[in-house]
């Protein structure tokens, strides 16, 4: 199967999943991108972008926006802590637009080979993004130090595993 056909198949599978799930979806056919609003916190809805590009399934969401310039360094520190711990995805700080984004990228061969893989990636991305959002809220709203945020998350994870 050619790369174009593989990409088209995964795109069609993504659209089928969105339709089957009855999510309110914005579809951008020419960009092979869908936009879905999901709850990222009890009081917050955010736009999640799912796209097929360059042979990859890319999932992305902003976990912090409108960051004060004097807090960008702390955002970088927290993002780096997460990047050292995350098994999937990367946390990226966009300095010029003052936001933090969580991105996962997976080669489209994986969802081609394993049915349900698109849903699994969307679910993993969504669940992880909620923790990231809460952590950046603690940093930017509650003024908690990045190292303390990470320490608390690691302790919470340890307690859940015990």
N, C-alpha and C. Protein backbone atom coordinates (compact mmCIF):
# COMPACT_ATOMS: atom_id res chain seq x y z
N UNK A 1 0.86 -1.17 0.00
CA UNK A 1 0.00 0.00 0.00
C UNK A 1 0.91 1.24 0.00
N UNK A 2 0.60 2.20 -0.84
CA UNK A 2 1.41 3.42 -0.93
C UNK A 2 1.22 4.28 0.33
N UNK A 3 2.20 5.15 0.62
CA UNK A 3 2.05 6.04 1.79
C UNK A 3 0.78 6.88 1.73
N UNK A 4 0.41 7.34 0.56
CA UNK A 4 -0.81 8.14 0.42
C UNK A 4 -2.05 7.33 0.77
N UNK A 5 -2.08 6.07 0.32
CA UNK A 5 -3.23 5.22 0.62
C UNK A 5 -3.30 4.87 2.11
N UNK A 6 -2.13 4.64 2.72
CA UNK A 6 -2.10 4.37 4.16
C UNK A 6 -2.64 5.57 4.93
N UNK A 7 -2.19 6.75 4.53
CA UNK A 7 -2.63 7.97 5.21
C UNK A 7 -4.13 8.16 5.03
N UNK A 8 -4.64 7.90 3.83
CA UNK A 8 -6.07 8.04 3.55
C UNK A 8 -6.88 7.04 4.38
N UNK A 9 -6.38 5.83 4.51
CA UNK A 9 -7.09 4.80 5.30
C UNK A 9 -7.18 5.21 6.76
N UNK A 10 -6.08 5.69 7.34
CA UNK A 10 -6.10 6.10 8.74
C UNK A 10 -7.00 7.32 8.92
N UNK A 11 -6.97 8.25 7.97
CA UNK A 11 -7.86 9.41 8.01
C UNK A 11 -9.31 8.95 8.02
N UNK A 12 -9.66 8.03 7.12
CA UNK A 12 -11.03 7.52 7.07
C UNK A 12 -11.41 6.83 8.38
N UNK A 13 -10.47 6.08 8.97
CA UNK A 13 -10.73 5.42 10.26
C UNK A 13 -10.96 6.45 11.36
N UNK A 14 -10.18 7.52 11.36
CA UNK A 14 -10.36 8.59 12.35
C UNK A 14 -11.74 9.23 12.21
N UNK A 15 -12.14 9.53 10.98
CA UNK A 15 -13.47 10.12 10.75
C UNK A 15 -14.58 9.15 11.17
N UNK A 16 -14.41 7.87 10.88
CA UNK A 16 -15.39 6.86 11.26
C UNK A 16 -15.52 6.81 12.79
N UNK A 17 -14.40 6.85 13.50
CA UNK A 17 -14.43 6.86 14.96
C UNK A 17 -15.18 8.08 15.48
N UNK A 18 -14.89 9.24 14.92
CA UNK A 18 -15.57 10.47 15.36
C UNK A 18 -17.07 10.39 15.13
N UNK A 19 -17.47 9.88 13.97
CA UNK A 19 -18.90 9.76 13.66
C UNK A 19 -19.58 8.73 14.55
N UNK A 20 -18.90 7.60 14.76
CA UNK A 20 -19.46 6.54 15.60
C UNK A 20 -19.62 7.01 17.05
N UNK A 21 -18.70 7.80 17.51
CA UNK A 21 -18.73 8.29 18.89
C UNK A 21 -19.70 9.44 19.08
N UNK A 22 -20.19 9.99 17.98
CA UNK A 22 -21.16 11.10 18.00
C UNK A 22 -20.60 12.35 18.67
N UNK A 23 -19.29 12.55 18.52
CA UNK A 23 -18.67 13.76 19.02
C UNK A 23 -18.99 14.91 18.08
N UNK A 24 -19.09 16.11 18.61
CA UNK A 24 -19.23 17.30 17.76
C UNK A 24 -17.85 17.61 17.23
N UNK A 25 -17.70 17.49 15.94
CA UNK A 25 -16.38 17.53 15.31
C UNK A 25 -16.34 18.60 14.24
N UNK A 26 -15.24 19.35 14.23
CA UNK A 26 -14.93 20.24 13.11
C UNK A 26 -13.94 19.50 12.23
N UNK A 27 -14.30 19.29 10.97
CA UNK A 27 -13.45 18.52 10.05
C UNK A 27 -12.82 19.46 9.04
N UNK A 28 -11.52 19.33 8.89
CA UNK A 28 -10.76 20.11 7.92
C UNK A 28 -10.14 19.12 6.95
N UNK A 29 -10.91 18.77 5.92
CA UNK A 29 -10.53 17.72 4.97
C UNK A 29 -9.18 17.98 4.32
N UNK A 30 -8.98 19.20 3.83
CA UNK A 30 -7.74 19.48 3.09
C UNK A 30 -6.50 19.34 3.96
N UNK A 31 -6.65 19.58 5.27
CA UNK A 31 -5.53 19.44 6.20
C UNK A 31 -5.51 18.08 6.88
N UNK A 32 -6.50 17.25 6.62
CA UNK A 32 -6.70 15.97 7.30
C UNK A 32 -6.58 16.17 8.81
N UNK A 33 -7.45 17.05 9.31
CA UNK A 33 -7.43 17.41 10.72
C UNK A 33 -8.86 17.50 11.23
N UNK A 34 -9.08 17.00 12.45
CA UNK A 34 -10.36 17.19 13.12
C UNK A 34 -10.12 17.92 14.42
N UNK A 35 -11.11 18.72 14.80
CA UNK A 35 -11.05 19.48 16.04
C UNK A 35 -12.27 19.08 16.87
N UNK A 36 -11.99 18.69 18.12
CA UNK A 36 -13.07 18.26 19.01
C UNK A 36 -12.88 18.95 20.35
N UNK A 37 -13.96 19.46 20.91
CA UNK A 37 -13.88 20.05 22.24
C UNK A 37 -14.21 18.99 23.28
N UNK A 38 -13.26 18.80 24.21
CA UNK A 38 -13.45 17.87 25.32
C UNK A 38 -13.18 18.62 26.62
N UNK A 39 -13.73 18.11 27.67
CA UNK A 39 -13.49 18.68 28.99
C UNK A 39 -12.08 18.30 29.45
N UNK A 40 -11.29 19.31 29.81
CA UNK A 40 -9.93 19.08 30.28
C UNK A 40 -9.86 19.24 31.81
N UNK A 41 -10.87 19.90 32.36
CA UNK A 41 -11.01 20.07 33.81
C UNK A 41 -12.50 20.25 34.08
N UNK A 42 -12.87 20.20 35.35
CA UNK A 42 -14.29 20.29 35.71
C UNK A 42 -14.96 21.54 35.14
N UNK A 43 -14.20 22.63 35.06
CA UNK A 43 -14.76 23.90 34.61
C UNK A 43 -14.17 24.41 33.31
N UNK A 44 -13.52 23.53 32.55
CA UNK A 44 -12.78 23.99 31.38
C UNK A 44 -12.90 22.99 30.22
N UNK A 45 -13.25 23.53 29.05
CA UNK A 45 -13.29 22.76 27.81
C UNK A 45 -12.16 23.29 26.92
N UNK A 46 -11.49 22.37 26.24
CA UNK A 46 -10.37 22.78 25.38
C UNK A 46 -10.51 22.09 24.03
N UNK A 47 -9.93 22.71 23.00
CA UNK A 47 -9.95 22.14 21.65
C UNK A 47 -8.80 21.15 21.49
N UNK A 48 -9.15 19.93 21.13
CA UNK A 48 -8.18 18.88 20.83
C UNK A 48 -8.10 18.75 19.31
N UNK A 49 -6.89 18.71 18.80
CA UNK A 49 -6.67 18.56 17.37
C UNK A 49 -6.09 17.18 17.09
N UNK A 50 -6.67 16.50 16.11
CA UNK A 50 -6.21 15.19 15.68
C UNK A 50 -5.97 15.28 14.19
N UNK A 51 -4.74 15.01 13.77
CA UNK A 51 -4.43 15.17 12.36
C UNK A 51 -3.55 14.05 11.84
N UNK A 52 -3.66 13.83 10.56
CA UNK A 52 -2.82 12.88 9.84
C UNK A 52 -1.89 13.73 8.98
N UNK A 53 -0.59 13.63 9.29
CA UNK A 53 0.37 14.45 8.54
C UNK A 53 1.73 13.77 8.54
N UNK A 54 2.36 13.76 7.38
CA UNK A 54 3.72 13.23 7.28
C UNK A 54 3.84 11.78 7.70
N UNK A 55 2.79 11.00 7.46
CA UNK A 55 2.83 9.60 7.83
C UNK A 55 2.61 9.34 9.32
N UNK A 56 2.07 10.33 10.03
CA UNK A 56 1.86 10.21 11.48
C UNK A 56 0.44 10.59 11.86
N UNK A 57 -0.02 10.00 12.96
CA UNK A 57 -1.24 10.44 13.63
C UNK A 57 -0.78 11.34 14.75
N UNK A 58 -1.18 12.60 14.70
CA UNK A 58 -0.73 13.61 15.65
C UNK A 58 -1.92 14.07 16.48
N UNK A 59 -1.76 14.03 17.81
CA UNK A 59 -2.79 14.52 18.71
C UNK A 59 -2.18 15.67 19.51
N UNK A 60 -2.93 16.75 19.64
CA UNK A 60 -2.38 17.93 20.32
C UNK A 60 -3.48 18.71 21.04
N UNK A 61 -3.07 19.35 22.14
CA UNK A 61 -3.98 20.19 22.90
C UNK A 61 -3.14 21.20 23.69
N UNK A 62 -3.68 22.37 23.87
CA UNK A 62 -3.02 23.38 24.70
C UNK A 62 -3.41 23.14 26.15
N UNK A 63 -2.39 23.05 27.00
CA UNK A 63 -2.64 22.80 28.43
C UNK A 63 -2.41 24.05 29.27
N UNK A 64 -1.92 25.10 28.66
CA UNK A 64 -1.78 26.41 29.33
C UNK A 64 -1.74 27.47 28.24
N UNK A 65 -2.45 28.57 28.47
CA UNK A 65 -2.49 29.66 27.49
C UNK A 65 -2.31 31.00 28.20
N UNK A 66 -1.95 31.99 27.42
CA UNK A 66 -1.78 33.36 27.93
C UNK A 66 -0.85 33.42 29.14
N UNK A 67 0.27 32.76 29.03
CA UNK A 67 1.23 32.72 30.14
C UNK A 67 1.92 34.08 30.24
N UNK A 68 1.96 34.62 31.45
CA UNK A 68 2.69 35.88 31.67
C UNK A 68 4.15 35.67 31.30
N UNK A 69 4.74 36.70 30.70
CA UNK A 69 6.13 36.60 30.27
C UNK A 69 7.07 36.24 31.41
N UNK A 70 6.78 36.72 32.59
CA UNK A 70 7.66 36.44 33.73
C UNK A 70 7.51 35.01 34.25
N UNK A 71 6.55 34.24 33.73
CA UNK A 71 6.35 32.85 34.15
C UNK A 71 6.80 31.84 33.10
N UNK A 72 7.28 32.33 31.96
CA UNK A 72 7.69 31.43 30.87
C UNK A 72 8.81 30.49 31.32
N UNK A 73 9.78 31.00 32.07
CA UNK A 73 10.88 30.15 32.53
C UNK A 73 10.36 29.02 33.39
N UNK A 74 9.44 29.31 34.31
CA UNK A 74 8.85 28.26 35.14
C UNK A 74 8.07 27.25 34.29
N UNK A 75 7.40 27.74 33.26
CA UNK A 75 6.68 26.84 32.36
C UNK A 75 7.66 25.90 31.65
N UNK A 76 8.80 26.44 31.22
CA UNK A 76 9.84 25.60 30.61
C UNK A 76 10.34 24.54 31.59
N UNK A 77 10.57 24.93 32.81
CA UNK A 77 11.08 23.99 33.82
C UNK A 77 10.07 22.87 34.05
N UNK A 78 8.80 23.22 34.22
CA UNK A 78 7.78 22.20 34.44
C UNK A 78 7.64 21.31 33.20
N UNK A 79 7.66 21.91 32.01
CA UNK A 79 7.57 21.13 30.78
C UNK A 79 8.73 20.14 30.68
N UNK A 80 9.92 20.57 31.03
CA UNK A 80 11.08 19.68 30.97
C UNK A 80 10.96 18.53 31.97
N UNK A 81 10.46 18.82 33.16
CA UNK A 81 10.22 17.75 34.13
C UNK A 81 9.28 16.70 33.52
N UNK A 82 8.19 17.18 32.91
CA UNK A 82 7.25 16.24 32.29
C UNK A 82 7.89 15.47 31.15
N UNK A 83 8.67 16.14 30.33
CA UNK A 83 9.30 15.46 29.21
C UNK A 83 10.28 14.38 29.68
N UNK A 84 10.85 14.56 30.85
CA UNK A 84 11.73 13.53 31.42
C UNK A 84 10.94 12.33 31.93
N UNK A 85 9.66 12.54 32.26
CA UNK A 85 8.85 11.48 32.87
C UNK A 85 7.88 10.80 31.90
N UNK A 86 7.42 11.52 30.90
CA UNK A 86 6.38 10.99 30.01
C UNK A 86 6.90 9.83 29.16
N UNK A 87 6.11 8.77 29.08
CA UNK A 87 6.42 7.67 28.16
C UNK A 87 5.92 7.98 26.76
N UNK A 88 4.88 8.78 26.67
CA UNK A 88 4.27 9.10 25.37
C UNK A 88 4.06 10.61 25.28
N UNK A 89 4.48 11.17 24.19
CA UNK A 89 4.23 12.57 23.94
C UNK A 89 5.31 13.49 24.46
N UNK A 90 5.11 14.76 24.15
CA UNK A 90 6.06 15.79 24.53
C UNK A 90 5.28 17.05 24.90
N UNK A 91 5.80 17.78 25.88
CA UNK A 91 5.22 19.04 26.30
C UNK A 91 6.09 20.16 25.71
N UNK A 92 5.46 21.05 24.94
CA UNK A 92 6.19 22.07 24.21
C UNK A 92 5.72 23.45 24.66
N UNK A 93 6.67 24.33 24.94
CA UNK A 93 6.36 25.71 25.30
C UNK A 93 6.58 26.59 24.07
N UNK A 94 5.53 27.30 23.67
CA UNK A 94 5.62 28.25 22.56
C UNK A 94 5.78 29.64 23.17
N UNK A 95 7.00 30.15 23.10
CA UNK A 95 7.32 31.42 23.75
C UNK A 95 6.63 32.59 23.07
N UNK A 96 6.67 32.63 21.74
CA UNK A 96 6.12 33.80 21.04
C UNK A 96 4.61 33.93 21.24
N UNK A 97 3.90 32.81 21.31
CA UNK A 97 2.45 32.87 21.52
C UNK A 97 2.04 32.61 22.96
N UNK A 98 3.02 32.33 23.83
CA UNK A 98 2.82 32.17 25.27
C UNK A 98 1.79 31.10 25.63
N UNK A 99 2.02 29.88 25.07
CA UNK A 99 1.17 28.76 25.46
C UNK A 99 2.03 27.49 25.58
N UNK A 100 1.44 26.49 26.25
CA UNK A 100 2.07 25.18 26.39
C UNK A 100 1.15 24.16 25.73
N UNK A 101 1.75 23.28 24.94
CA UNK A 101 0.97 22.30 24.20
C UNK A 101 1.50 20.89 24.49
N UNK A 102 0.58 19.95 24.57
CA UNK A 102 0.94 18.54 24.74
C UNK A 102 0.66 17.84 23.42
N UNK A 103 1.69 17.20 22.88
CA UNK A 103 1.62 16.59 21.55
C UNK A 103 2.04 15.13 21.63
N UNK A 104 1.26 14.26 20.99
CA UNK A 104 1.65 12.86 20.81
C UNK A 104 1.70 12.59 19.32
N UNK A 105 2.72 11.86 18.90
CA UNK A 105 2.89 11.52 17.48
C UNK A 105 3.10 10.02 17.38
N UNK A 106 2.33 9.39 16.51
CA UNK A 106 2.47 7.94 16.30
C UNK A 106 2.46 7.67 14.80
N UNK A 107 3.37 6.83 14.35
CA UNK A 107 3.43 6.43 12.96
C UNK A 107 2.10 5.78 12.57
N UNK A 108 1.57 6.11 11.39
CA UNK A 108 0.26 5.59 10.99
C UNK A 108 0.25 4.09 10.75
N UNK A 109 1.43 3.48 10.67
CA UNK A 109 1.45 2.02 10.51
C UNK A 109 0.84 1.32 11.73
N UNK A 110 1.00 1.91 12.92
CA UNK A 110 0.46 1.29 14.13
C UNK A 110 -1.07 1.19 14.06
N UNK A 111 -1.80 2.30 13.79
CA UNK A 111 -3.26 2.14 13.69
C UNK A 111 -3.69 1.32 12.47
N UNK A 112 -2.84 1.22 11.46
CA UNK A 112 -3.18 0.36 10.34
C UNK A 112 -3.14 -1.11 10.75
N UNK A 113 -2.20 -1.45 11.60
CA UNK A 113 -2.02 -2.84 12.01
C UNK A 113 -2.94 -3.27 13.15
N UNK A 114 -3.30 -2.33 14.02
CA UNK A 114 -4.06 -2.67 15.22
C UNK A 114 -5.35 -1.86 15.29
N UNK A 115 -6.47 -2.54 15.13
CA UNK A 115 -7.74 -1.84 15.23
C UNK A 115 -7.91 -1.34 16.66
N UNK A 116 -8.50 -0.21 16.81
CA UNK A 116 -8.69 0.38 18.13
C UNK A 116 -7.54 1.26 18.57
N UNK A 117 -6.45 1.27 17.82
CA UNK A 117 -5.27 2.04 18.22
C UNK A 117 -5.53 3.55 18.17
N UNK A 118 -6.34 4.01 17.23
CA UNK A 118 -6.65 5.44 17.16
C UNK A 118 -7.37 5.86 18.44
N UNK A 119 -8.39 5.10 18.81
CA UNK A 119 -9.14 5.42 20.03
C UNK A 119 -8.22 5.38 21.25
N UNK A 120 -7.37 4.37 21.32
CA UNK A 120 -6.45 4.24 22.45
C UNK A 120 -5.53 5.46 22.55
N UNK A 121 -5.02 5.94 21.41
CA UNK A 121 -4.14 7.11 21.44
C UNK A 121 -4.92 8.34 21.87
N UNK A 122 -6.13 8.53 21.36
CA UNK A 122 -6.94 9.67 21.75
C UNK A 122 -7.25 9.63 23.24
N UNK A 123 -7.56 8.46 23.77
CA UNK A 123 -7.88 8.32 25.19
C UNK A 123 -6.65 8.59 26.06
N UNK A 124 -5.52 8.01 25.69
CA UNK A 124 -4.29 8.23 26.45
C UNK A 124 -3.92 9.71 26.43
N UNK A 125 -4.02 10.33 25.28
CA UNK A 125 -3.70 11.76 25.14
C UNK A 125 -4.62 12.60 26.01
N UNK A 126 -5.92 12.30 25.96
CA UNK A 126 -6.89 13.07 26.74
C UNK A 126 -6.64 12.92 28.24
N UNK A 127 -6.46 11.70 28.69
CA UNK A 127 -6.24 11.48 30.12
C UNK A 127 -4.96 12.15 30.60
N UNK A 128 -3.89 12.05 29.83
CA UNK A 128 -2.63 12.69 30.20
C UNK A 128 -2.77 14.21 30.20
N UNK A 129 -3.50 14.73 29.24
CA UNK A 129 -3.64 16.19 29.13
C UNK A 129 -4.34 16.78 30.35
N UNK A 130 -5.26 16.03 30.95
CA UNK A 130 -5.95 16.54 32.15
C UNK A 130 -4.97 16.71 33.30
N UNK A 131 -4.06 15.76 33.47
CA UNK A 131 -3.03 15.90 34.51
C UNK A 131 -2.09 17.06 34.21
N UNK A 132 -1.72 17.20 32.96
CA UNK A 132 -0.84 18.31 32.57
C UNK A 132 -1.53 19.65 32.80
N UNK A 133 -2.78 19.75 32.40
CA UNK A 133 -3.52 21.00 32.59
C UNK A 133 -3.58 21.37 34.07
N UNK A 134 -3.93 20.38 34.91
CA UNK A 134 -4.02 20.64 36.35
C UNK A 134 -2.67 21.08 36.91
N UNK A 135 -1.61 20.47 36.43
CA UNK A 135 -0.27 20.83 36.91
C UNK A 135 0.11 22.24 36.50
N UNK A 136 -0.19 22.62 35.27
CA UNK A 136 0.14 23.98 34.84
C UNK A 136 -0.76 25.01 35.52
N UNK A 137 -1.96 24.63 35.90
CA UNK A 137 -2.81 25.53 36.68
C UNK A 137 -2.19 25.76 38.06
N UNK A 138 -1.67 24.70 38.65
CA UNK A 138 -1.01 24.85 39.95
C UNK A 138 0.19 25.79 39.84
N UNK A 139 0.91 25.68 38.74
CA UNK A 139 2.08 26.55 38.52
C UNK A 139 1.66 28.00 38.31
N UNK A 140 0.73 28.21 37.39
CA UNK A 140 0.42 29.57 36.93
C UNK A 140 -0.63 30.29 37.76
N UNK A 141 -1.53 29.56 38.39
CA UNK A 141 -2.59 30.18 39.17
C UNK A 141 -2.27 30.13 40.66
N UNK A 142 -1.83 28.95 41.13
CA UNK A 142 -1.57 28.78 42.56
C UNK A 142 -0.13 29.12 42.94
N UNK A 143 0.72 29.34 41.95
CA UNK A 143 2.12 29.73 42.16
C UNK A 143 2.93 28.67 42.91
N UNK A 144 2.67 27.41 42.61
CA UNK A 144 3.42 26.30 43.20
C UNK A 144 4.68 26.07 42.36
N UNK A 145 5.79 25.80 43.00
CA UNK A 145 7.05 25.57 42.31
C UNK A 145 7.00 24.30 41.47
N UNK A 146 7.64 24.30 40.28
CA UNK A 146 7.62 23.12 39.39
C UNK A 146 8.07 21.83 40.08
N UNK A 147 9.14 21.89 40.86
CA UNK A 147 9.64 20.67 41.51
C UNK A 147 8.61 20.09 42.49
N UNK A 148 7.88 20.95 43.18
CA UNK A 148 6.85 20.48 44.11
C UNK A 148 5.68 19.84 43.37
N UNK A 149 5.33 20.40 42.23
CA UNK A 149 4.25 19.84 41.41
C UNK A 149 4.60 18.43 40.99
N UNK A 150 5.82 18.26 40.50
CA UNK A 150 6.27 16.94 40.05
C UNK A 150 6.36 15.97 41.23
N UNK A 151 6.89 16.43 42.34
CA UNK A 151 6.99 15.58 43.53
C UNK A 151 5.60 15.10 43.97
N UNK A 152 4.63 15.99 43.95
CA UNK A 152 3.27 15.62 44.33
C UNK A 152 2.69 14.59 43.36
N UNK A 153 2.92 14.78 42.06
CA UNK A 153 2.42 13.83 41.07
C UNK A 153 3.06 12.46 41.23
N UNK A 154 4.35 12.44 41.47
CA UNK A 154 5.05 11.16 41.66
C UNK A 154 4.55 10.45 42.91
N UNK A 155 4.31 11.20 43.96
CA UNK A 155 3.77 10.61 45.19
C UNK A 155 2.36 10.08 44.96
N UNK A 156 1.55 10.83 44.25
CA UNK A 156 0.19 10.39 43.93
C UNK A 156 0.22 9.10 43.12
N UNK A 157 1.13 9.03 42.17
CA UNK A 157 1.28 7.82 41.35
C UNK A 157 1.72 6.64 42.21
N UNK A 158 2.66 6.87 43.12
CA UNK A 158 3.14 5.80 44.00
C UNK A 158 2.01 5.27 44.86
N UNK A 159 1.20 6.16 45.42
CA UNK A 159 0.08 5.75 46.27
C UNK A 159 -0.92 4.93 45.46
N UNK A 160 -1.21 5.33 44.23
CA UNK A 160 -2.15 4.58 43.38
C UNK A 160 -1.63 3.18 43.08
N UNK A 161 -0.31 3.07 42.89
CA UNK A 161 0.28 1.77 42.56
C UNK A 161 0.33 0.83 43.75
N UNK A 162 0.34 1.39 44.96
CA UNK A 162 0.40 0.56 46.19
C UNK A 162 -0.94 0.04 46.55
